[in-house]
N, C-alpha and C. Protein backbone atom coordinates (compact mmCIF):
# COMPACT_ATOMS: atom_id res chain seq x y z
N UNK A 1 5.50 23.92 23.93
CA UNK A 1 6.49 23.94 22.57
C UNK A 1 5.31 23.14 21.44
N UNK A 2 5.30 23.85 20.42
CA UNK A 2 4.64 23.80 19.26
C UNK A 2 5.24 22.37 18.55
N UNK A 3 4.20 21.37 17.65
CA UNK A 3 4.91 20.59 16.87
C UNK A 3 4.78 21.06 15.48
N UNK A 4 5.70 21.02 14.70
CA UNK A 4 5.72 21.00 12.91
C UNK A 4 4.79 20.25 12.42
N UNK A 5 3.88 20.55 11.90
CA UNK A 5 2.95 19.80 10.78
C UNK A 5 3.47 20.00 9.56
N UNK A 6 3.76 18.78 8.85
CA UNK A 6 4.47 19.04 7.35
C UNK A 6 3.00 19.03 6.69
N UNK A 7 3.20 19.81 5.47
CA UNK A 7 2.22 19.65 4.32
C UNK A 7 2.42 18.55 3.07
N UNK A 8 1.46 18.01 3.40
CA UNK A 8 1.68 16.40 2.80
C UNK A 8 0.45 16.46 1.14
N UNK A 9 0.98 16.02 0.16
CA UNK A 9 0.07 16.14 -1.30
C UNK A 9 -1.15 15.31 -0.76
N UNK A 10 -2.66 15.46 -1.69
CA UNK A 10 -3.19 14.96 -1.56
C UNK A 10 -3.66 14.06 -2.99
N UNK A 11 -3.25 12.90 -2.92
CA UNK A 11 -3.83 12.10 -4.01
C UNK A 11 -4.99 11.22 -4.10
N UNK A 12 -5.62 11.49 -5.64
CA UNK A 12 -6.92 11.20 -5.73
C UNK A 12 -6.47 9.95 -6.36
N UNK A 13 -7.28 8.54 -5.98
CA UNK A 13 -7.64 7.54 -6.41
C UNK A 13 -8.72 7.21 -7.32
N UNK A 14 -8.70 7.30 -8.68
CA UNK A 14 -9.59 6.93 -9.51
C UNK A 14 -9.65 5.99 -10.65
N UNK A 15 -10.52 5.51 -10.74
CA UNK A 15 -10.33 4.10 -11.54
C UNK A 15 -9.30 3.12 -11.99
N UNK A 16 -8.64 3.16 -10.63
CA UNK A 16 -7.02 2.22 -10.78
C UNK A 16 -5.99 3.50 -11.05
N UNK A 17 -6.30 4.59 -11.30
CA UNK A 17 -5.36 5.15 -11.58
C UNK A 17 -4.90 6.43 -10.18
N UNK A 18 -3.80 6.60 -9.89
CA UNK A 18 -3.44 7.61 -8.99
C UNK A 18 -3.40 9.14 -9.62
N UNK A 19 -4.01 10.01 -9.26
CA UNK A 19 -3.81 11.36 -9.73
C UNK A 19 -3.29 12.08 -8.57
N UNK A 20 -2.73 13.17 -8.96
CA UNK A 20 -2.15 14.21 -8.02
C UNK A 20 -2.91 15.34 -7.94
N UNK A 21 -3.51 15.67 -7.36
CA UNK A 21 -4.12 17.28 -6.93
C UNK A 21 -3.31 18.02 -6.75
N UNK A 22 -4.08 19.32 -6.77
CA UNK A 22 -2.90 20.63 -6.82
C UNK A 22 -3.31 20.92 -5.24
N UNK A 23 -3.95 20.07 -4.47
CA UNK A 23 -4.08 20.34 -3.06
C UNK A 23 -3.10 19.93 -2.17
N UNK A 24 -2.85 20.25 -1.06
CA UNK A 24 -2.03 19.96 0.24
C UNK A 24 -2.75 20.00 1.40
N UNK A 25 -2.36 19.21 2.21
CA UNK A 25 -2.92 19.15 3.56
C UNK A 25 -1.97 18.97 4.64
N UNK A 26 -2.28 19.62 6.04
CA UNK A 26 -1.02 18.87 7.04
C UNK A 26 -1.46 17.55 7.42
N UNK A 27 -0.58 16.83 7.82
CA UNK A 27 -0.53 15.44 8.39
C UNK A 27 -1.50 15.19 9.55
N UNK A 28 -1.58 16.81 10.26
CA UNK A 28 -2.39 16.58 11.23
C UNK A 28 -3.92 16.39 10.74
N UNK A 29 -4.52 16.80 9.51
CA UNK A 29 -5.91 17.09 9.45
C UNK A 29 -6.61 15.77 10.03
N UNK A 30 -8.05 15.86 10.00
CA UNK A 30 -8.65 15.24 10.07
C UNK A 30 -9.26 14.56 8.49
N UNK A 31 -9.68 13.44 8.51
CA UNK A 31 -9.95 12.84 6.78
C UNK A 31 -11.26 13.68 6.26
N UNK A 32 -11.93 14.20 7.36
CA UNK A 32 -13.11 15.01 7.09
C UNK A 32 -12.87 16.41 6.31
N UNK A 33 -12.02 16.91 6.76
CA UNK A 33 -11.37 18.14 6.40
C UNK A 33 -10.86 17.57 4.97
N UNK A 34 -10.19 16.64 4.60
CA UNK A 34 -9.72 16.11 3.73
C UNK A 34 -10.81 16.02 2.52
N UNK A 35 -11.79 15.41 3.16
CA UNK A 35 -12.72 15.01 2.28
C UNK A 35 -13.25 16.46 1.68
N UNK A 36 -13.61 17.36 2.57
CA UNK A 36 -14.55 18.56 1.95
C UNK A 36 -13.38 19.39 0.89
N UNK A 37 -12.32 19.09 1.24
CA UNK A 37 -11.39 19.94 0.03
C UNK A 37 -11.33 19.50 -1.09
N UNK A 38 -11.67 17.96 -1.48
CA UNK A 38 -11.91 17.26 -2.59
C UNK A 38 -13.27 17.56 -3.03
N UNK A 39 -14.05 17.64 -2.17
CA UNK A 39 -15.02 17.91 -2.83
C UNK A 39 -15.27 19.40 -3.53
N UNK A 40 -15.00 20.22 -2.73
CA UNK A 40 -14.86 21.74 -3.26
C UNK A 40 -14.15 21.40 -4.73
N UNK A 41 -13.30 20.63 -4.81
CA UNK A 41 -12.99 20.43 -6.69
C UNK A 41 -13.54 19.55 -7.50
N UNK A 42 -14.66 19.09 -6.90
CA UNK A 42 -15.67 18.06 -7.93
C UNK A 42 -15.49 17.13 -7.77
N UNK A 43 -14.78 16.44 -6.74
CA UNK A 43 -14.55 14.75 -6.87
C UNK A 43 -15.84 14.23 -5.99
N UNK A 44 -15.98 13.36 -5.70
CA UNK A 44 -16.87 12.24 -4.93
C UNK A 44 -16.19 11.41 -3.94
N UNK A 45 -15.66 11.98 -3.27
CA UNK A 45 -14.92 10.98 -2.36
C UNK A 45 -15.57 9.64 -1.56
N UNK A 46 -15.21 8.75 -1.55
CA UNK A 46 -15.81 7.64 -0.48
C UNK A 46 -15.05 6.96 0.56
N UNK A 47 -13.71 7.40 0.39
CA UNK A 47 -12.91 7.05 1.38
C UNK A 47 -11.43 7.84 1.44
N UNK A 48 -11.04 8.37 2.80
CA UNK A 48 -9.69 9.25 2.73
C UNK A 48 -8.82 8.10 3.89
N UNK A 49 -7.81 8.22 3.21
CA UNK A 49 -6.73 7.69 4.41
C UNK A 49 -5.31 8.47 4.38
N UNK A 50 -4.33 8.01 5.42
CA UNK A 50 -3.43 8.87 5.35
C UNK A 50 -2.13 7.43 5.00
N UNK A 51 -1.64 7.80 3.90
CA UNK A 51 0.07 6.61 3.37
C UNK A 51 0.88 7.14 4.33
N UNK A 52 1.03 6.46 5.27
CA UNK A 52 2.24 6.68 6.00
C UNK A 52 3.83 6.74 5.18
N UNK A 53 3.94 5.68 4.44
CA UNK A 53 4.85 5.36 3.71
C UNK A 53 5.51 6.49 2.45
N UNK A 54 4.45 6.93 2.27
CA UNK A 54 4.38 8.24 0.89
C UNK A 54 4.42 9.69 1.54
N UNK A 55 4.10 9.66 2.77
CA UNK A 55 3.77 10.60 3.55
C UNK A 55 2.71 11.56 2.61
N UNK A 56 1.55 11.03 2.41
CA UNK A 56 0.28 11.81 1.46
C UNK A 56 -0.81 11.58 1.95
N UNK A 57 -1.99 12.08 1.65
CA UNK A 57 -3.24 11.72 1.91
C UNK A 57 -3.65 10.80 0.77
N UNK A 58 -4.64 9.91 0.76
CA UNK A 58 -5.24 9.23 -0.41
C UNK A 58 -6.52 8.92 -0.59
N UNK A 59 -7.43 10.09 -1.33
CA UNK A 59 -8.89 9.73 -1.32
C UNK A 59 -9.20 9.24 -2.72
N UNK A 60 -10.10 8.01 -1.99
CA UNK A 60 -10.59 6.94 -3.14
C UNK A 60 -11.92 7.50 -3.53
N UNK A 61 -11.80 7.66 -5.20
CA UNK A 61 -13.33 8.04 -5.59
C UNK A 61 -14.12 6.88 -6.69
N UNK A 62 -15.51 6.97 -6.20
CA UNK A 62 -16.09 5.80 -7.18
C UNK A 62 -16.08 6.36 -9.05
N UNK A 63 -16.27 7.96 -8.98
CA UNK A 63 -16.25 8.44 -10.02
C UNK A 63 -16.16 10.09 -10.00
N UNK A 64 -15.88 10.58 -11.33
CA UNK A 64 -15.48 11.85 -11.02
C UNK A 64 -16.40 12.86 -11.94
N UNK A 65 -16.51 14.27 -11.60
CA UNK A 65 -17.62 14.87 -12.04
C UNK A 65 -16.61 16.12 -12.96
N UNK A 66 -17.25 17.06 -13.31
CA UNK A 66 -16.35 18.57 -13.73
C UNK A 66 -15.80 19.27 -12.65
N UNK A 67 -14.47 19.14 -12.80
CA UNK A 67 -13.74 19.70 -11.76
C UNK A 67 -13.42 20.76 -12.11
N UNK A 68 -13.11 21.61 -11.00
CA UNK A 68 -12.35 23.13 -11.42
C UNK A 68 -10.73 23.11 -11.19
N UNK A 69 -10.17 23.30 -12.24
CA UNK A 69 -8.79 23.68 -12.01
C UNK A 69 -8.01 22.75 -11.08
N UNK A 70 -8.33 21.97 -10.62
CA UNK A 70 -7.66 20.89 -9.32
C UNK A 70 -6.89 20.02 -9.71
N UNK A 71 -7.47 18.77 -9.78
CA UNK A 71 -6.67 17.53 -10.01
C UNK A 71 -6.39 17.34 -11.35
N UNK A 72 -5.27 17.07 -11.99
CA UNK A 72 -5.01 16.72 -13.22
C UNK A 72 -5.58 14.90 -13.34
N UNK A 73 -6.44 15.04 -14.58
CA UNK A 73 -6.45 13.58 -15.30
C UNK A 73 -5.98 13.31 -16.45
N UNK A 74 -5.00 12.73 -16.88
CA UNK A 74 -4.70 12.26 -18.14
C UNK A 74 -5.47 11.24 -18.75
N UNK A 75 -5.97 10.56 -18.09
CA UNK A 75 -7.01 9.39 -18.46
C UNK A 75 -8.16 9.63 -19.08
N UNK A 76 -8.67 10.79 -18.81
CA UNK A 76 -10.05 11.13 -19.12
C UNK A 76 -10.29 11.46 -20.58
N UNK A 77 -11.08 10.91 -21.41
CA UNK A 77 -11.27 10.96 -22.75
C UNK A 77 -12.44 11.86 -22.98
N UNK A 78 -12.59 12.56 -24.18
CA UNK A 78 -13.52 13.19 -24.57
C UNK A 78 -15.04 12.37 -24.86
N UNK A 79 -16.05 12.99 -24.51
CA UNK A 79 -16.99 12.55 -24.73
C UNK A 79 -17.43 12.97 -26.05
N UNK A 80 -18.82 12.54 -26.90
CA UNK A 80 -18.91 12.94 -28.21
C UNK A 80 -19.26 14.13 -28.47
N UNK A 81 -19.85 15.01 -27.32
CA UNK A 81 -20.27 16.17 -27.31
C UNK A 81 -18.75 17.01 -27.31
N UNK A 82 -17.85 16.64 -27.09
CA UNK A 82 -16.64 17.43 -26.76
C UNK A 82 -15.57 17.57 -27.47
N UNK A 83 -16.01 16.47 -28.65
CA UNK A 83 -15.12 16.12 -29.89
C UNK A 83 -15.10 17.30 -30.94
């Protein structure tokens, strides 16, 4: 008999903010797999954990880089070059 694995959102914790990414992962996946998915979006993860209370993966980052249409970050301000 096969167990049903539910798809859980991947949240990114950056600069004290929780940002919902466009990615989902199974609750049975390994943290290394989650880390690779987030890296593909341009983030630099340093810790990955599963939050049982919210049924979500939480990835902590120290900083962010230019991301590809992955996570939304409403706290990002334009640099002088972007103004």
